Structure formats: C-alpha cells, structure tokens
Amino acid sequence: MRYTVVWLKRAQDELAEIWINARHRNAIAAAAYAIDVHLQSDAATKGVEVSEGLRQLSAPPLRILFSVSDDDRLVEVAAVREA
C-alpha cells in the first residue's frame, strides 16, 4: 500500500535548523530523502510505536516522530531530531 508523506510545518522547521547547523549537510538531505522513500510503502509497519497513533523511525543521522492514517494513506512527520 502506498502512502503520501507530508512533513508538518514544525518538522520542516526542525529539519531546516538541523541542516543549517550540520557539518555534513549531504547526510541530512540523504536521510530525509530515505525517510520519505521508506514511509511511502506500508508506513504503519515502519519504526516503533511510542504511543497510540505515534511512531518513531531512525534514519541516521535523523530520528522522526510520525503518524499514519491508513484510511487516507497519509503519513504525517510531526517532529525530527538528530539521532
């Protein structure tokens, strides 16, 4: 099942801040791209559940929190941090 991956404004801002301050910007960009690709397929099975409706996924050097709506086939990335 394919999903649309959307980064919420807060997550976009966090990712931008990480990228601006990164020594290895290519690694940050590659990890963000890998997250998008990884979550496009069977997103509800990816990462680990941290609370009901919220999952965590690591793609070093990043770690994200995301939610999945199976009915809408939508993934929302809510937060991103350096792993």
N, C-alpha and C. Protein backbone atom coordinates (compact mmCIF):
# COMPACT_ATOMS: atom_id res chain seq x y z
N MET A 1 0.84 -1.17 0.00
CA MET A 1 0.00 0.00 0.00
C MET A 1 0.90 1.25 0.00
N ARG A 2 0.64 2.19 -0.88
CA ARG A 2 1.43 3.42 -0.99
C ARG A 2 0.81 4.53 -0.14
N TYR A 3 1.68 5.32 0.45
CA TYR A 3 1.28 6.43 1.30
C TYR A 3 1.88 7.73 0.77
N THR A 4 1.19 8.82 1.04
CA THR A 4 1.74 10.15 0.79
C THR A 4 2.39 10.62 2.09
N VAL A 5 3.62 11.07 2.00
CA VAL A 5 4.37 11.53 3.17
C VAL A 5 4.36 13.06 3.19
N VAL A 6 3.90 13.63 4.31
CA VAL A 6 3.81 15.08 4.48
C VAL A 6 4.58 15.45 5.75
N TRP A 7 5.46 16.41 5.62
CA TRP A 7 6.18 16.93 6.78
C TRP A 7 5.41 18.15 7.29
N LEU A 8 4.93 18.09 8.53
CA LEU A 8 4.24 19.23 9.13
C LEU A 8 5.20 20.41 9.25
N LYS A 9 4.65 21.61 9.33
CA LYS A 9 5.46 22.84 9.37
C LYS A 9 6.52 22.77 10.46
N ARG A 10 6.15 22.30 11.63
CA ARG A 10 7.11 22.20 12.74
C ARG A 10 8.28 21.30 12.36
N ALA A 11 7.98 20.16 11.76
CA ALA A 11 9.03 19.22 11.36
C ALA A 11 9.90 19.82 10.26
N GLN A 12 9.30 20.56 9.34
CA GLN A 12 10.07 21.22 8.29
C GLN A 12 11.04 22.23 8.90
N ASP A 13 10.55 22.99 9.86
CA ASP A 13 11.39 23.98 10.53
C ASP A 13 12.53 23.32 11.29
N GLU A 14 12.23 22.22 11.97
CA GLU A 14 13.27 21.49 12.71
C GLU A 14 14.32 20.93 11.76
N LEU A 15 13.87 20.37 10.64
CA LEU A 15 14.79 19.82 9.65
C LEU A 15 15.68 20.92 9.07
N ALA A 16 15.09 22.06 8.78
CA ALA A 16 15.87 23.18 8.25
C ALA A 16 16.93 23.62 9.25
N GLU A 17 16.58 23.71 10.51
CA GLU A 17 17.53 24.10 11.55
C GLU A 17 18.67 23.09 11.67
N ILE A 18 18.33 21.82 11.64
CA ILE A 18 19.36 20.77 11.68
C ILE A 18 20.29 20.90 10.48
N TRP A 19 19.71 21.09 9.30
CA TRP A 19 20.51 21.18 8.08
C TRP A 19 21.43 22.40 8.10
N ILE A 20 20.91 23.55 8.55
CA ILE A 20 21.70 24.77 8.60
C ILE A 20 22.92 24.59 9.50
N ASN A 21 22.74 23.90 10.62
CA ASN A 21 23.82 23.74 11.60
C ASN A 21 24.68 22.50 11.36
N ALA A 22 24.36 21.70 10.36
CA ALA A 22 25.06 20.44 10.14
C ALA A 22 26.43 20.65 9.51
N ARG A 23 27.35 19.80 9.91
CA ARG A 23 28.66 19.78 9.27
C ARG A 23 28.59 18.97 7.98
N HIS A 24 27.70 17.98 7.96
CA HIS A 24 27.57 17.09 6.81
C HIS A 24 26.15 17.20 6.26
N ARG A 25 25.90 18.27 5.56
CA ARG A 25 24.56 18.55 5.05
C ARG A 25 24.06 17.46 4.09
N ASN A 26 24.97 16.87 3.35
CA ASN A 26 24.56 15.81 2.42
C ASN A 26 23.96 14.63 3.17
N ALA A 27 24.48 14.32 4.34
CA ALA A 27 23.96 13.21 5.14
C ALA A 27 22.55 13.51 5.64
N ILE A 28 22.31 14.76 6.01
CA ILE A 28 20.98 15.16 6.47
C ILE A 28 19.98 15.06 5.31
N ALA A 29 20.36 15.59 4.16
CA ALA A 29 19.48 15.54 3.00
C ALA A 29 19.20 14.10 2.58
N ALA A 30 20.22 13.26 2.59
CA ALA A 30 20.05 11.86 2.20
C ALA A 30 19.14 11.13 3.18
N ALA A 31 19.27 11.42 4.47
CA ALA A 31 18.42 10.77 5.48
C ALA A 31 16.97 11.20 5.32
N ALA A 32 16.74 12.49 5.07
CA ALA A 32 15.36 12.98 4.86
C ALA A 32 14.74 12.33 3.63
N TYR A 33 15.51 12.20 2.58
CA TYR A 33 15.02 11.53 1.37
C TYR A 33 14.71 10.06 1.65
N ALA A 34 15.61 9.40 2.38
CA ALA A 34 15.41 7.98 2.72
C ALA A 34 14.14 7.79 3.55
N ILE A 35 13.87 8.72 4.46
CA ILE A 35 12.65 8.67 5.27
C ILE A 35 11.43 8.73 4.36
N ASP A 36 11.42 9.69 3.45
CA ASP A 36 10.29 9.82 2.52
C ASP A 36 10.07 8.53 1.74
N VAL A 37 11.12 7.99 1.18
CA VAL A 37 11.01 6.77 0.37
C VAL A 37 10.55 5.60 1.23
N HIS A 38 11.14 5.47 2.40
CA HIS A 38 10.84 4.34 3.29
C HIS A 38 9.38 4.34 3.74
N LEU A 39 8.84 5.53 4.02
CA LEU A 39 7.48 5.62 4.54
C LEU A 39 6.40 5.58 3.46
N GLN A 40 6.78 5.66 2.21
CA GLN A 40 5.79 5.61 1.13
C GLN A 40 5.16 4.23 0.99
N SER A 41 5.79 3.22 1.54
CA SER A 41 5.30 1.85 1.41
C SER A 41 5.06 1.24 2.78
N ASP A 42 3.84 0.79 3.04
CA ASP A 42 3.50 0.10 4.29
C ASP A 42 3.97 0.86 5.54
N ALA A 43 3.66 2.13 5.59
CA ALA A 43 4.14 3.01 6.66
C ALA A 43 3.75 2.54 8.05
N ALA A 44 2.59 1.93 8.19
CA ALA A 44 2.12 1.51 9.52
C ALA A 44 2.98 0.41 10.13
N THR A 45 3.83 -0.20 9.35
CA THR A 45 4.70 -1.27 9.85
C THR A 45 6.12 -0.77 10.10
N LYS A 46 6.39 0.49 9.83
CA LYS A 46 7.75 1.03 9.94
C LYS A 46 7.97 1.66 11.30
N GLY A 47 9.20 1.58 11.76
CA GLY A 47 9.56 2.17 13.04
C GLY A 47 8.94 1.43 14.20
N VAL A 48 8.87 2.11 15.34
CA VAL A 48 8.30 1.53 16.55
C VAL A 48 7.25 2.47 17.12
N GLU A 49 6.24 1.89 17.72
CA GLU A 49 5.18 2.70 18.33
C GLU A 49 5.68 3.25 19.65
N VAL A 50 5.53 4.57 19.84
CA VAL A 50 5.94 5.20 21.10
C VAL A 50 4.75 5.59 21.94
N SER A 51 3.61 5.77 21.31
CA SER A 51 2.34 5.96 21.99
C SER A 51 1.26 5.70 20.95
N GLU A 52 0.03 5.60 21.40
CA GLU A 52 -1.03 5.29 20.45
C GLU A 52 -1.09 6.34 19.34
N GLY A 53 -0.93 5.87 18.12
CA GLY A 53 -1.00 6.76 16.97
C GLY A 53 0.28 7.48 16.62
N LEU A 54 1.34 7.27 17.39
CA LEU A 54 2.61 7.95 17.15
C LEU A 54 3.72 6.92 17.07
N ARG A 55 4.50 6.99 16.01
CA ARG A 55 5.59 6.05 15.78
C ARG A 55 6.91 6.82 15.67
N GLN A 56 8.01 6.12 15.90
CA GLN A 56 9.34 6.70 15.79
C GLN A 56 10.14 5.88 14.78
N LEU A 57 10.93 6.58 13.97
CA LEU A 57 11.77 5.93 12.97
C LEU A 57 13.12 6.62 12.97
N SER A 58 14.18 5.83 12.94
CA SER A 58 15.53 6.38 12.85
C SER A 58 16.08 6.13 11.46
N ALA A 59 16.67 7.17 10.90
CA ALA A 59 17.42 7.10 9.65
C ALA A 59 18.64 7.98 9.89
N PRO A 60 19.66 7.41 10.54
CA PRO A 60 20.81 8.22 10.95
C PRO A 60 21.31 9.12 9.81
N PRO A 61 21.54 10.36 10.14
CA PRO A 61 21.64 10.95 11.47
C PRO A 61 20.33 11.57 12.00
N LEU A 62 19.18 11.18 11.43
CA LEU A 62 17.91 11.74 11.87
C LEU A 62 17.03 10.71 12.57
N ARG A 63 16.14 11.22 13.42
CA ARG A 63 15.10 10.42 14.07
C ARG A 63 13.81 11.23 13.98
N ILE A 64 12.73 10.59 13.56
CA ILE A 64 11.46 11.30 13.40
C ILE A 64 10.36 10.67 14.23
N LEU A 65 9.34 11.47 14.50
CA LEU A 65 8.07 11.01 15.04
C LEU A 65 7.04 11.22 13.96
N PHE A 66 6.20 10.22 13.73
CA PHE A 66 5.21 10.33 12.67
C PHE A 66 3.94 9.59 13.03
N SER A 67 2.86 9.95 12.33
CA SER A 67 1.59 9.26 12.49
C SER A 67 1.14 8.77 11.12
N VAL A 68 0.30 7.75 11.13
CA VAL A 68 -0.16 7.13 9.90
C VAL A 68 -1.68 7.08 9.90
N SER A 69 -2.27 7.51 8.80
CA SER A 69 -3.70 7.36 8.60
C SER A 69 -3.90 6.37 7.46
N ASP A 70 -4.25 5.13 7.82
CA ASP A 70 -4.43 4.09 6.80
C ASP A 70 -5.59 4.43 5.87
N ASP A 71 -6.67 4.99 6.42
CA ASP A 71 -7.83 5.32 5.59
C ASP A 71 -7.48 6.32 4.49
N ASP A 72 -6.64 7.30 4.84
CA ASP A 72 -6.25 8.34 3.89
C ASP A 72 -4.95 8.00 3.16
N ARG A 73 -4.29 6.94 3.61
CA ARG A 73 -2.96 6.57 3.10
C ARG A 73 -2.01 7.76 3.18
N LEU A 74 -2.00 8.34 4.39
CA LEU A 74 -1.23 9.55 4.65
C LEU A 74 -0.32 9.36 5.85
N VAL A 75 0.93 9.79 5.70
CA VAL A 75 1.90 9.81 6.79
C VAL A 75 2.21 11.26 7.08
N GLU A 76 2.14 11.64 8.36
CA GLU A 76 2.50 12.99 8.77
C GLU A 76 3.72 12.92 9.67
N VAL A 77 4.80 13.53 9.22
CA VAL A 77 6.01 13.63 10.04
C VAL A 77 5.81 14.84 10.95
N ALA A 78 5.77 14.55 12.25
CA ALA A 78 5.43 15.60 13.22
C ALA A 78 6.65 16.27 13.83
N ALA A 79 7.76 15.54 13.95
CA ALA A 79 8.95 16.10 14.58
C ALA A 79 10.18 15.38 14.05
N VAL A 80 11.30 16.09 14.07
CA VAL A 80 12.57 15.49 13.64
C VAL A 80 13.67 15.99 14.56
N ARG A 81 14.56 15.08 14.89
CA ARG A 81 15.72 15.39 15.75
C ARG A 81 16.95 14.70 15.18
N GLU A 82 18.10 15.11 15.63
CA GLU A 82 19.30 14.39 15.27
C GLU A 82 19.35 13.12 16.10
N ALA A 83 19.70 12.01 15.45
CA ALA A 83 19.72 10.71 16.14
C ALA A 83 20.94 10.59 17.02
